[in-house]
Amino acid sequence: MMMGFSLILLLLVGGLAAATIGGLLFASQRNSDAERHGARSTAHQVLDERFARGEIDREEYDTIRAQIER
């Protein structure tokens, strides 16, 4: 009887630990994706602004944009 209870308790605690670790990993990955996306948008905005001000020509704009999108 006591062995069955211990096994159930072990499975519950192990499942809770696995769910917690999985949740933390998932949240960490979502934050990384958001940061990368934000940085890419900012780079595109800066590039568009430089092109609009005439600081760079079309050829340089296309070259830099291709590098950003890699």
Protein backbone atom coordinates (compact mmCIF):
# COMPACT_ATOMS: atom_id res chain seq x y z
CA MET A 1 0.00 0.00 0.00
CA MET A 2 2.72 2.49 0.96
CA MET A 3 4.77 1.61 -2.11
CA GLY A 4 1.86 2.45 -4.43
CA PHE A 5 1.39 5.84 -2.77
CA SER A 6 5.13 6.60 -3.06
CA LEU A 7 5.09 5.73 -6.76
CA ILE A 8 2.11 7.99 -7.44
CA LEU A 9 3.72 10.82 -5.47
CA LEU A 10 6.99 10.38 -7.37
CA LEU A 11 5.16 10.49 -10.71
CA LEU A 12 3.24 13.63 -9.73
CA VAL A 13 6.35 15.46 -8.51
CA GLY A 14 8.33 14.38 -11.58
CA GLY A 15 5.55 15.50 -13.91
CA LEU A 16 5.32 18.85 -12.16
CA ALA A 17 9.08 19.35 -12.44
CA ALA A 18 9.06 18.41 -16.14
CA ALA A 19 6.15 20.78 -16.82
CA THR A 20 7.91 23.63 -15.02
CA ILE A 21 11.17 23.13 -16.90
CA GLY A 22 9.32 22.83 -20.21
CA GLY A 23 7.38 26.02 -19.51
CA LEU A 24 10.55 27.93 -18.68
CA LEU A 25 12.26 26.75 -21.85
CA PHE A 26 9.22 27.69 -23.94
CA ALA A 27 9.03 31.17 -22.40
CA SER A 28 12.75 31.70 -22.95
CA GLN A 29 12.45 30.75 -26.62
CA ARG A 30 9.52 33.10 -27.17
CA ASN A 31 11.50 36.00 -25.68
CA SER A 32 14.49 35.27 -27.91
CA ASP A 33 12.28 35.21 -31.01
CA ALA A 34 10.67 38.51 -30.04
CA GLU A 35 14.03 40.16 -29.50
CA ARG A 36 15.35 38.96 -32.85
CA HIS A 37 12.22 40.13 -34.65
CA GLY A 38 12.40 43.53 -32.96
CA ALA A 39 16.05 43.99 -33.90
CA ARG A 40 15.35 43.06 -37.50
CA SER A 41 12.47 45.55 -37.71
CA THR A 42 14.66 48.30 -36.30
CA ALA A 43 17.42 47.58 -38.81
CA HIS A 44 14.90 47.76 -41.65
CA GLN A 45 13.53 51.03 -40.33
CA VAL A 46 16.99 52.61 -40.11
CA LEU A 47 17.83 51.41 -43.60
CA ASP A 48 14.57 52.79 -45.00
CA GLU A 49 15.19 56.12 -43.29
CA ARG A 50 18.75 56.37 -44.68
CA PHE A 51 17.46 55.60 -48.17
CA ALA A 52 14.65 58.14 -47.82
CA ARG A 53 17.12 60.86 -46.75
CA GLY A 54 19.33 60.08 -49.74
CA GLU A 55 22.30 58.93 -47.66
CA ILE A 56 22.55 55.70 -49.69
CA ASP A 57 21.65 54.84 -53.28
CA ARG A 58 19.39 52.05 -54.49
CA GLU A 59 22.23 49.59 -55.10
CA GLU A 60 23.65 50.02 -51.59
CA TYR A 61 20.12 49.82 -50.15
CA ASP A 62 19.46 46.50 -51.89
CA THR A 63 22.84 45.09 -50.80
CA ILE A 64 22.34 46.00 -47.14
CA ARG A 65 18.74 44.79 -47.13
CA ALA A 66 19.84 41.39 -48.47
CA GLN A 67 22.43 41.15 -45.69
CA ILE A 68 19.88 42.05 -43.01
CA GLU A 69 17.43 39.41 -44.21
CA ARG A 70 19.94 36.55 -43.94
